[in-house]
Each structure stands twice: as C-alpha cells, then as structure tokens.
Amino acid sequence: MAIATYQSIAGGNADYPSSGGLPYSGGEKTFAVYGTWDGATMKMKASFDGGTTFITLSDAEGSDLAFLDNAIFRIKLGQCLLRFVISGSSGSTDLAVKVS
C-alpha cells in the first residue's frame, strides 16, 4: 500500500509550504518523515486562525517538537493548517512527510 506524500521538503532552511499551510483535518494521525537530512532540524507549526499565526508544536513537557533524523510519530490536533520549518541545513535537505 502506497501512502501519498503530504509534503516534500527539498532545499535548505525555509518554511514548507513557503506560504499558508497544509490543511489538517484534525484528530490523531501517524506521521513519518524520512530522507536526506543534511544537518537539518525540522519543527512543526500549526495555525488555528487561517494562517495568520503559526505556533510551534510542543511535547507533553513543553519542549518544541524537533526532529533531526528519520522518525515516526503521532500527533493529535484539532482542525488547522500545518507548516514544517527547516533550520540548520547545509542546503541539500530532501525529505518526505507522509501521514496515515
């Protein structure tokens, strides 16, 4: 079974998508992020006001969710827009984010 890519991340430090956000229907879902990291850190942000304000997602202890390597994780959120933020890349980051 093939799972479609939710967001491709290719290049360097930036927000993906670069404007707006990806619609998230809400609920609990499993995410997978994998590929070539090239020193990058990926954080996730959510907007509940149509894309005006994006807030970094955090774990139960209040620390920002930050990924440095291939990962599978679950997120439970209400309906919102999502954005993936890349920092620390040397410029050849190539990642796929999938949701199931």
PDB file of N, CA and C in Angstrom:
ATOM      1  N   MET A   1       0.841  -1.175   0.000  1.00  0.00           N
ATOM      2  CA  MET A   1       0.000   0.000   0.000  1.00  0.00           C
ATOM      3  C   MET A   1       0.890   1.244   0.000  1.00  0.00           C
ATOM      4  N   ALA A   2       0.687   2.093  -0.972  1.00  0.00           N
ATOM      5  CA  ALA A   2       1.448   3.334  -1.064  1.00  0.00           C
ATOM      6  C   ALA A   2       0.700   4.455  -0.349  1.00  0.00           C
ATOM      7  N   ILE A   3       1.421   5.222   0.429  1.00  0.00           N
ATOM      8  CA  ILE A   3       0.853   6.376   1.124  1.00  0.00           C
ATOM      9  C   ILE A   3       1.391   7.624   0.443  1.00  0.00           C
ATOM     10  N   ALA A   4       0.511   8.496   0.018  1.00  0.00           N
ATOM     11  CA  ALA A   4       0.912   9.709  -0.693  1.00  0.00           C
ATOM     12  C   ALA A   4       1.744  10.621   0.208  1.00  0.00           C
ATOM     13  N   THR A   5       2.638  11.363  -0.411  1.00  0.00           N
ATOM     14  CA  THR A   5       3.452  12.336   0.323  1.00  0.00           C
ATOM     15  C   THR A   5       2.596  13.543   0.668  1.00  0.00           C
ATOM     16  N   TYR A   6       2.588  13.910   1.932  1.00  0.00           N
ATOM     17  CA  TYR A   6       1.834  15.058   2.437  1.00  0.00           C
ATOM     18  C   TYR A   6       2.569  16.350   2.100  1.00  0.00           C
ATOM     19  N   GLN A   7       3.901  16.330   2.268  1.00  0.00           N
ATOM     20  CA  GLN A   7       4.726  17.497   1.959  1.00  0.00           C
ATOM     21  C   GLN A   7       6.117  17.031   1.575  1.00  0.00           C
ATOM     22  N   SER A   8       6.634  17.521   0.457  1.00  0.00           N
ATOM     23  CA  SER A   8       8.036  17.305   0.077  1.00  0.00           C
ATOM     24  C   SER A   8       8.835  18.495   0.569  1.00  0.00           C
ATOM     25  N   ILE A   9      10.018  18.203   1.089  1.00  0.00           N
ATOM     26  CA  ILE A   9      10.903  19.252   1.580  1.00  0.00           C
ATOM     27  C   ILE A   9      12.231  19.086   0.850  1.00  0.00           C
ATOM     28  N   ALA A  10      12.560  20.033  -0.008  1.00  0.00           N
ATOM     29  CA  ALA A  10      13.782  19.941  -0.798  1.00  0.00           C
ATOM     30  C   ALA A  10      14.471  21.294  -0.820  1.00  0.00           C
ATOM     31  N   GLY A  11      15.735  21.313  -0.426  1.00  0.00           N
ATOM     32  CA  GLY A  11      16.491  22.562  -0.433  1.00  0.00           C
ATOM     33  C   GLY A  11      17.091  22.840   0.928  1.00  0.00           C
ATOM     34  N   GLY A  12      16.984  24.064   1.338  1.00  0.00           N
ATOM     35  CA  GLY A  12      17.628  24.480   2.575  1.00  0.00           C
ATOM     36  C   GLY A  12      16.649  24.982   3.610  1.00  0.00           C
ATOM     37  N   ASN A  13      17.128  25.912   4.417  1.00  0.00           N
ATOM     38  CA  ASN A  13      16.363  26.445   5.531  1.00  0.00           C
ATOM     39  C   ASN A  13      15.186  27.267   5.025  1.00  0.00           C
ATOM     40  N   ALA A  14      13.979  26.857   5.409  1.00  0.00           N
ATOM     41  CA  ALA A  14      12.774  27.551   4.956  1.00  0.00           C
ATOM     42  C   ALA A  14      11.558  26.950   5.634  1.00  0.00           C
ATOM     43  N   ASP A  15      10.406  27.564   5.373  1.00  0.00           N
ATOM     44  CA  ASP A  15       9.116  27.020   5.779  1.00  0.00           C
ATOM     45  C   ASP A  15       8.546  26.238   4.608  1.00  0.00           C
ATOM     46  N   TYR A  16       7.943  25.101   4.882  1.00  0.00           N
ATOM     47  CA  TYR A  16       7.318  24.273   3.856  1.00  0.00           C
ATOM     48  C   TYR A  16       5.885  23.978   4.280  1.00  0.00           C
ATOM     49  N   PRO A  17       4.861  24.384   3.549  1.00  0.00           N
ATOM     50  CA  PRO A  17       4.967  25.206   2.356  1.00  0.00           C
ATOM     51  C   PRO A  17       5.424  26.621   2.710  1.00  0.00           C
ATOM     52  N   SER A  18       5.910  27.339   1.702  1.00  0.00           N
ATOM     53  CA  SER A  18       6.508  28.653   1.955  1.00  0.00           C
ATOM     54  C   SER A  18       5.466  29.714   2.316  1.00  0.00           C
ATOM     55  N   SER A  19       4.227  29.516   1.922  1.00  0.00           N
ATOM     56  CA  SER A  19       3.167  30.445   2.338  1.00  0.00           C
ATOM     57  C   SER A  19       1.933  29.618   2.699  1.00  0.00           C
ATOM     58  N   GLY A  20       1.127  30.165   3.570  1.00  0.00           N
ATOM     59  CA  GLY A  20      -0.057  29.435   4.022  1.00  0.00           C
ATOM     60  C   GLY A  20       0.337  28.205   4.827  1.00  0.00           C
ATOM     61  N   GLY A  21      -0.421  27.169   4.683  1.00  0.00           N
ATOM     62  CA  GLY A  21      -0.146  25.924   5.384  1.00  0.00           C
ATOM     63  C   GLY A  21      -0.927  24.806   4.736  1.00  0.00           C
ATOM     64  N   LEU A  22      -0.653  23.593   5.154  1.00  0.00           N
ATOM     65  CA  LEU A  22      -1.353  22.423   4.623  1.00  0.00           C
ATOM     66  C   LEU A  22      -2.569  22.135   5.490  1.00  0.00           C
ATOM     67  N   PRO A  23      -3.723  21.932   4.895  1.00  0.00           N
ATOM     68  CA  PRO A  23      -4.919  21.616   5.679  1.00  0.00           C
ATOM     69  C   PRO A  23      -4.758  20.293   6.433  1.00  0.00           C
ATOM     70  N   TYR A  24      -5.066  20.317   7.716  1.00  0.00           N
ATOM     71  CA  TYR A  24      -5.058  19.127   8.555  1.00  0.00           C
ATOM     72  C   TYR A  24      -6.476  18.962   9.074  1.00  0.00           C
ATOM     73  N   SER A  25      -7.074  17.816   8.821  1.00  0.00           N
ATOM     74  CA  SER A  25      -8.490  17.609   9.141  1.00  0.00           C
ATOM     75  C   SER A  25      -8.778  17.401  10.621  1.00  0.00           C
ATOM     76  N   GLY A  26      -7.727  17.277  11.411  1.00  0.00           N
ATOM     77  CA  GLY A  26      -7.904  17.092  12.844  1.00  0.00           C
ATOM     78  C   GLY A  26      -7.880  15.628  13.236  1.00  0.00           C
ATOM     79  N   GLY A  27      -7.802  15.382  14.527  1.00  0.00           N
ATOM     80  CA  GLY A  27      -7.762  14.024  15.045  1.00  0.00           C
ATOM     81  C   GLY A  27      -6.339  13.548  15.271  1.00  0.00           C
ATOM     82  N   GLU A  28      -6.222  12.272  15.587  1.00  0.00           N
ATOM     83  CA  GLU A  28      -4.918  11.668  15.850  1.00  0.00           C
ATOM     84  C   GLU A  28      -4.470  10.910  14.606  1.00  0.00           C
ATOM     85  N   LYS A  29      -3.268  11.236  14.136  1.00  0.00           N
ATOM     86  CA  LYS A  29      -2.727  10.603  12.944  1.00  0.00           C
ATOM     87  C   LYS A  29      -1.256  10.280  13.150  1.00  0.00           C
ATOM     88  N   THR A  30      -0.776   9.315  12.350  1.00  0.00           N
ATOM     89  CA  THR A  30       0.634   8.930  12.375  1.00  0.00           C
ATOM     90  C   THR A  30       1.362   9.632  11.238  1.00  0.00           C
ATOM     91  N   PHE A  31       2.473  10.260  11.573  1.00  0.00           N
ATOM     92  CA  PHE A  31       3.319  10.940  10.606  1.00  0.00           C
ATOM     93  C   PHE A  31       4.633  10.181  10.470  1.00  0.00           C
ATOM     94  N   ALA A  32       5.202  10.207   9.282  1.00  0.00           N
ATOM     95  CA  ALA A  32       6.558   9.687   9.053  1.00  0.00           C
ATOM     96  C   ALA A  32       7.321  10.758   8.296  1.00  0.00           C
ATOM     97  N   VAL A  33       8.543  11.027   8.706  1.00  0.00           N
ATOM     98  CA  VAL A  33       9.420  11.948   7.987  1.00  0.00           C
ATOM     99  C   VAL A  33      10.731  11.213   7.765  1.00  0.00           C
ATOM    100  N   TYR A  34      11.209  11.230   6.504  1.00  0.00           N
ATOM    101  CA  TYR A  34      12.439  10.498   6.208  1.00  0.00           C
ATOM    102  C   TYR A  34      13.083  11.049   4.947  1.00  0.00           C
ATOM    103  N   GLY A  35      14.371  10.751   4.821  1.00  0.00           N
ATOM    104  CA  GLY A  35      15.113  11.189   3.639  1.00  0.00           C
ATOM    105  C   GLY A  35      16.506  11.630   4.026  1.00  0.00           C
ATOM    106  N   THR A  36      17.040  12.580   3.273  1.00  0.00           N
ATOM    107  CA  THR A  36      18.379  13.136   3.500  1.00  0.00           C
ATOM    108  C   THR A  36      18.244  14.392   4.345  1.00  0.00           C
ATOM    109  N   TRP A  37      18.822  14.364   5.544  1.00  0.00           N
ATOM    110  CA  TRP A  37      18.668  15.477   6.488  1.00  0.00           C
ATOM    111  C   TRP A  37      19.711  16.568   6.296  1.00  0.00           C
ATOM    112  N   ASP A  38      20.940  16.230   5.938  1.00  0.00           N
ATOM    113  CA  ASP A  38      21.994  17.220   5.684  1.00  0.00           C
ATOM    114  C   ASP A  38      22.156  18.202   6.847  1.00  0.00           C
ATOM    115  N   GLY A  39      22.086  17.683   8.071  1.00  0.00           N
ATOM    116  CA  GLY A  39      22.273  18.521   9.259  1.00  0.00           C
ATOM    117  C   GLY A  39      21.039  19.293   9.697  1.00  0.00           C
ATOM    118  N   ALA A  40      19.920  19.094   9.028  1.00  0.00           N
ATOM    119  CA  ALA A  40      18.713  19.884   9.290  1.00  0.00           C
ATOM    120  C   ALA A  40      17.991  19.446  10.563  1.00  0.00           C
ATOM    121  N   THR A  41      17.262  20.392  11.122  1.00  0.00           N
ATOM    122  CA  THR A  41      16.290  20.158  12.185  1.00  0.00           C
ATOM    123  C   THR A  41      14.931  20.542  11.621  1.00  0.00           C
ATOM    124  N   MET A  42      13.935  19.709  11.850  1.00  0.00           N
ATOM    125  CA  MET A  42      12.578  20.021  11.396  1.00  0.00           C
ATOM    126  C   MET A  42      11.667  20.212  12.594  1.00  0.00           C
ATOM    127  N   LYS A  43      10.965  21.339  12.616  1.00  0.00           N
ATOM    128  CA  LYS A  43       9.926  21.593  13.602  1.00  0.00           C
ATOM    129  C   LYS A  43       8.602  21.724  12.863  1.00  0.00           C
ATOM    130  N   MET A  44       7.527  21.544  13.592  1.00  0.00           N
ATOM    131  CA  MET A  44       6.187  21.676  13.015  1.00  0.00           C
ATOM    132  C   MET A  44       5.465  22.826  13.700  1.00  0.00           C
ATOM    133  N   LYS A  45       4.686  23.545  12.901  1.00  0.00           N
ATOM    134  CA  LYS A  45       3.875  24.640  13.429  1.00  0.00           C
ATOM    135  C   LYS A  45       2.441  24.456  12.976  1.00  0.00           C
ATOM    136  N   ALA A  46       1.511  24.947  13.781  1.00  0.00           N
ATOM    137  CA  ALA A  46       0.089  24.869  13.463  1.00  0.00           C
ATOM    138  C   ALA A  46      -0.535  26.255  13.552  1.00  0.00           C
ATOM    139  N   SER A  47      -1.503  26.496  12.664  1.00  0.00           N
ATOM    140  CA  SER A  47      -2.263  27.742  12.688  1.00  0.00           C
ATOM    141  C   SER A  47      -3.738  27.406  12.849  1.00  0.00           C
ATOM    142  N   PHE A  48      -4.364  28.065  13.808  1.00  0.00           N
ATOM    143  CA  PHE A  48      -5.790  27.881  14.042  1.00  0.00           C
ATOM    144  C   PHE A  48      -6.577  29.125  13.633  1.00  0.00           C
ATOM    145  N   ASP A  49      -5.891  30.085  12.974  1.00  0.00           N
ATOM    146  CA  ASP A  49      -6.563  31.315  12.548  1.00  0.00           C
ATOM    147  C   ASP A  49      -6.437  31.548  11.041  1.00  0.00           C
ATOM    148  N   GLY A  50      -6.361  30.446  10.284  1.00  0.00           N
ATOM    149  CA  GLY A  50      -6.331  30.564   8.835  1.00  0.00           C
ATOM    150  C   GLY A  50      -4.982  30.903   8.249  1.00  0.00           C
ATOM    151  N   GLY A  51      -3.920  30.812   9.031  1.00  0.00           N
ATOM    152  CA  GLY A  51      -2.576  31.032   8.514  1.00  0.00           C
ATOM    153  C   GLY A  51      -1.939  32.348   8.894  1.00  0.00           C
ATOM    154  N   THR A  52      -2.593  33.132   9.738  1.00  0.00           N
ATOM    155  CA  THR A  52      -2.001  34.392  10.180  1.00  0.00           C
ATOM    156  C   THR A  52      -0.910  34.154  11.216  1.00  0.00           C
ATOM    157  N   THR A  53      -1.187  33.287  12.188  1.00  0.00           N
ATOM    158  CA  THR A  53      -0.247  33.000  13.273  1.00  0.00           C
ATOM    159  C   THR A  53       0.032  31.512  13.309  1.00  0.00           C
ATOM    160  N   PHE A  54       1.326  31.139  13.260  1.00  0.00           N
ATOM    161  CA  PHE A  54       1.732  29.740  13.382  1.00  0.00           C
ATOM    162  C   PHE A  54       2.443  29.550  14.713  1.00  0.00           C
ATOM    163  N   ILE A  55       2.057  28.495  15.438  1.00  0.00           N
ATOM    164  CA  ILE A  55       2.598  28.199  16.765  1.00  0.00           C
ATOM    165  C   ILE A  55       3.347  26.873  16.695  1.00  0.00           C
ATOM    166  N   THR A  56       4.573  26.842  17.221  1.00  0.00           N
ATOM    167  CA  THR A  56       5.384  25.625  17.222  1.00  0.00           C
ATOM    168  C   THR A  56       4.755  24.570  18.119  1.00  0.00           C
ATOM    169  N   LEU A  57       4.622  23.346  17.587  1.00  0.00           N
ATOM    170  CA  LEU A  57       4.078  22.246  18.379  1.00  0.00           C
ATOM    171  C   LEU A  57       5.086  21.837  19.449  1.00  0.00           C
ATOM    172  N   SER A  58       4.578  21.433  20.599  1.00  0.00           N
ATOM    173  CA  SER A  58       5.448  21.003  21.690  1.00  0.00           C
ATOM    174  C   SER A  58       4.989  19.653  22.216  1.00  0.00           C
ATOM    175  N   ASP A  59       5.883  18.996  22.966  1.00  0.00           N
ATOM    176  CA  ASP A  59       5.545  17.702  23.555  1.00  0.00           C
ATOM    177  C   ASP A  59       4.870  17.927  24.910  1.00  0.00           C
ATOM    178  N   ALA A  60       4.583  16.845  25.614  1.00  0.00           N
ATOM    179  CA  ALA A  60       3.865  16.920  26.892  1.00  0.00           C
ATOM    180  C   ALA A  60       4.635  17.697  27.958  1.00  0.00           C
ATOM    181  N   GLU A  61       5.973  17.781  27.815  1.00  0.00           N
ATOM    182  CA  GLU A  61       6.787  18.507  28.790  1.00  0.00           C
ATOM    183  C   GLU A  61       6.977  19.970  28.408  1.00  0.00           C
ATOM    184  N   GLY A  62       6.438  20.372  27.242  1.00  0.00           N
ATOM    185  CA  GLY A  62       6.549  21.766  26.818  1.00  0.00           C
ATOM    186  C   GLY A  62       7.726  22.068  25.912  1.00  0.00           C
ATOM    187  N   SER A  63       8.517  21.054  25.553  1.00  0.00           N
ATOM    188  CA  SER A  63       9.652  21.265  24.648  1.00  0.00           C
ATOM    189  C   SER A  63       9.163  21.230  23.200  1.00  0.00           C
ATOM    190  N   ASP A  64       9.767  22.087  22.363  1.00  0.00           N
ATOM    191  CA  ASP A  64       9.411  22.080  20.946  1.00  0.00           C
ATOM    192  C   ASP A  64       9.620  20.694  20.358  1.00  0.00           C
ATOM    193  N   LEU A  65       8.671  20.250  19.513  1.00  0.00           N
ATOM    194  CA  LEU A  65       8.889  19.027  18.742  1.00  0.00           C
ATOM    195  C   LEU A  65       9.963  19.338  17.712  1.00  0.00           C
ATOM    196  N   ALA A  66      11.066  18.626  17.767  1.00  0.00           N
ATOM    197  CA  ALA A  66      12.172  18.854  16.841  1.00  0.00           C
ATOM    198  C   ALA A  66      12.712  17.508  16.398  1.00  0.00           C
ATOM    199  N   PHE A  67      12.861  17.342  15.091  1.00  0.00           N
ATOM    200  CA  PHE A  67      13.327  16.083  14.515  1.00  0.00           C
ATOM    201  C   PHE A  67      14.642  16.319  13.801  1.00  0.00           C
ATOM    202  N   LEU A  68      15.616  15.418  14.049  1.00  0.00           N
ATOM    203  CA  LEU A  68      16.953  15.522  13.475  1.00  0.00           C
ATOM    204  C   LEU A  68      17.272  14.362  12.546  1.00  0.00           C
ATOM    205  N   ASP A  69      16.390  13.369  12.523  1.00  0.00           N
ATOM    206  CA  ASP A  69      16.629  12.146  11.756  1.00  0.00           C
ATOM    207  C   ASP A  69      15.270  11.524  11.425  1.00  0.00           C
ATOM    208  N   ASN A  70      15.288  10.487  10.605  1.00  0.00           N
ATOM    209  CA  ASN A  70      14.056   9.804  10.227  1.00  0.00           C
ATOM    210  C   ASN A  70      13.246   9.452  11.473  1.00  0.00           C
ATOM    211  N   ALA A  71      11.926   9.665  11.397  1.00  0.00           N
ATOM    212  CA  ALA A  71      11.093   9.445  12.582  1.00  0.00           C
ATOM    213  C   ALA A  71       9.666   9.090  12.187  1.00  0.00           C
ATOM    214  N   ILE A  72       9.008   8.356  13.080  1.00  0.00           N
ATOM    215  CA  ILE A  72       7.574   8.099  13.005  1.00  0.00           C
ATOM    216  C   ILE A  72       7.000   8.589  14.326  1.00  0.00           C
ATOM    217  N   PHE A  73       5.917   9.368  14.257  1.00  0.00           N
ATOM    218  CA  PHE A  73       5.348   9.938  15.466  1.00  0.00           C
ATOM    219  C   PHE A  73       3.855  10.170  15.262  1.00  0.00           C
ATOM    220  N   ARG A  74       3.139  10.289  16.383  1.00  0.00           N
ATOM    221  CA  ARG A  74       1.690  10.528  16.341  1.00  0.00           C
ATOM    222  C   ARG A  74       1.408  11.931  16.849  1.00  0.00           C
ATOM    223  N   ILE A  75       0.423  12.558  16.213  1.00  0.00           N
ATOM    224  CA  ILE A  75       0.011  13.901  16.609  1.00  0.00           C
ATOM    225  C   ILE A  75      -1.502  13.907  16.747  1.00  0.00           C
ATOM    226  N   LYS A  76      -1.973  14.569  17.778  1.00  0.00           N
ATOM    227  CA  LYS A  76      -3.412  14.732  17.973  1.00  0.00           C
ATOM    228  C   LYS A  76      -3.688  16.235  18.070  1.00  0.00           C
ATOM    229  N   LEU A  77      -4.370  16.743  17.043  1.00  0.00           N
ATOM    230  CA  LEU A  77      -4.674  18.174  16.954  1.00  0.00           C
ATOM    231  C   LEU A  77      -6.083  18.356  16.432  1.00  0.00           C
ATOM    232  N   GLY A  78      -6.616  19.524  16.656  1.00  0.00           N
ATOM    233  CA  GLY A  78      -7.868  19.890  16.017  1.00  0.00           C
ATOM    234  C   GLY A  78      -7.612  20.313  14.578  1.00  0.00           C
ATOM    235  N   GLN A  79      -8.654  20.663  13.885  1.00  0.00           N
ATOM    236  CA  GLN A  79      -8.540  21.117  12.502  1.00  0.00           C
ATOM    237  C   GLN A  79      -7.697  22.387  12.458  1.00  0.00           C
ATOM    238  N   CYS A  80      -6.707  22.414  11.559  1.00  0.00           N
ATOM    239  CA  CYS A  80      -5.782  23.543  11.496  1.00  0.00           C
ATOM    240  C   CYS A  80      -5.017  23.511  10.172  1.00  0.00           C
ATOM    241  N   LEU A  81      -4.067  24.422  10.052  1.00  0.00           N
ATOM    242  CA  LEU A  81      -3.083  24.399   8.970  1.00  0.00           C
ATOM    243  C   LEU A  81      -1.747  24.009   9.578  1.00  0.00           C
ATOM    244  N   LEU A  82      -0.977  23.188   8.875  1.00  0.00           N
ATOM    245  CA  LEU A  82       0.352  22.776   9.355  1.00  0.00           C
ATOM    246  C   LEU A  82       1.430  23.321   8.446  1.00  0.00           C
ATOM    247  N   ARG A  83       2.574  23.576   9.048  1.00  0.00           N
ATOM    248  CA  ARG A  83       3.763  24.026   8.329  1.00  0.00           C
ATOM    249  C   ARG A  83       4.969  23.314   8.936  1.00  0.00           C
ATOM    250  N   PHE A  84       5.934  22.969   8.092  1.00  0.00           N
ATOM    251  CA  PHE A  84       7.166  22.319   8.532  1.00  0.00           C
ATOM    252  C   PHE A  84       8.304  23.317   8.357  1.00  0.00           C
ATOM    253  N   VAL A  85       9.102  23.504   9.407  1.00  0.00           N
ATOM    254  CA  VAL A  85      10.155  24.516   9.398  1.00  0.00           C
ATOM    255  C   VAL A  85      11.513  23.826   9.471  1.00  0.00           C
ATOM    256  N   ILE A  86      12.362  24.107   8.479  1.00  0.00           N
ATOM    257  CA  ILE A  86      13.700  23.522   8.411  1.00  0.00           C
ATOM    258  C   ILE A  86      14.732  24.568   8.786  1.00  0.00           C
ATOM    259  N   SER A  87      15.655  24.191   9.678  1.00  0.00           N
ATOM    260  CA  SER A  87      16.782  25.051  10.041  1.00  0.00           C
ATOM    261  C   SER A  87      18.032  24.180  10.153  1.00  0.00           C
ATOM    262  N   GLY A  88      19.196  24.792  10.062  1.00  0.00           N
ATOM    263  CA  GLY A  88      20.461  24.080  10.226  1.00  0.00           C
ATOM    264  C   GLY A  88      20.893  23.252   9.035  1.00  0.00           C
ATOM    265  N   SER A  89      20.192  23.350   7.919  1.00  0.00           N
ATOM    266  CA  SER A  89      20.520  22.562   6.727  1.00  0.00           C
ATOM    267  C   SER A  89      21.715  23.173   5.999  1.00  0.00           C
ATOM    268  N   SER A  90      22.511  22.309   5.394  1.00  0.00           N
ATOM    269  CA  SER A  90      23.620  22.785   4.553  1.00  0.00           C
ATOM    270  C   SER A  90      23.165  23.036   3.124  1.00  0.00           C
ATOM    271  N   GLY A  91      21.881  22.846   2.843  1.00  0.00           N
ATOM    272  CA  GLY A  91      21.331  23.211   1.549  1.00  0.00           C
ATOM    273  C   GLY A  91      20.864  22.069   0.676  1.00  0.00           C
ATOM    274  N   SER A  92      21.123  20.823   1.080  1.00  0.00           N
ATOM    275  CA  SER A  92      20.687  19.713   0.226  1.00  0.00           C
ATOM    276  C   SER A  92      19.745  18.755   0.966  1.00  0.00           C
ATOM    277  N   THR A  93      18.947  19.296   1.874  1.00  0.00           N
ATOM    278  CA  THR A  93      17.944  18.501   2.566  1.00  0.00           C
ATOM    279  C   THR A  93      16.889  18.040   1.559  1.00  0.00           C
ATOM    280  N   ASP A  94      16.503  16.765   1.666  1.00  0.00           N
ATOM    281  CA  ASP A  94      15.490  16.198   0.772  1.00  0.00           C
ATOM    282  C   ASP A  94      14.653  15.210   1.581  1.00  0.00           C
ATOM    283  N   LEU A  95      13.503  15.682   2.082  1.00  0.00           N
ATOM    284  CA  LEU A  95      12.675  14.875   2.978  1.00  0.00           C
ATOM    285  C   LEU A  95      11.281  14.692   2.417  1.00  0.00           C
ATOM    286  N   ALA A  96      10.646  13.610   2.850  1.00  0.00           N
ATOM    287  CA  ALA A  96       9.236  13.370   2.555  1.00  0.00           C
ATOM    288  C   ALA A  96       8.509  13.256   3.882  1.00  0.00           C
ATOM    289  N   VAL A  97       7.348  13.919   3.972  1.00  0.00           N
ATOM    290  CA  VAL A  97       6.475  13.806   5.129  1.00  0.00           C
ATOM    291  C   VAL A  97       5.218  13.081   4.658  1.00  0.00           C
ATOM    292  N   LYS A  98       4.886  11.989   5.335  1.00  0.00           N
ATOM    293  CA  LYS A  98       3.697  11.217   4.999  1.00  0.00           C
ATOM    294  C   LYS A  98       2.801  11.114   6.225  1.00  0.00           C
ATOM    295  N   VAL A  99       1.491  11.017   5.977  1.00  0.00           N
ATOM    296  CA  VAL A  99       0.507  10.964   7.055  1.00  0.00           C
ATOM    297  C   VAL A  99      -0.458   9.822   6.790  1.00  0.00           C
ATOM    298  N   SER A 100      -0.760   9.078   7.836  1.00  0.00           N
ATOM    299  CA  SER A 100      -1.698   7.978   7.699  1.00  0.00           C
ATOM    300  C   SER A 100      -2.611   7.947   8.902  1.00  0.00           C
TER     301      SER A 100
END
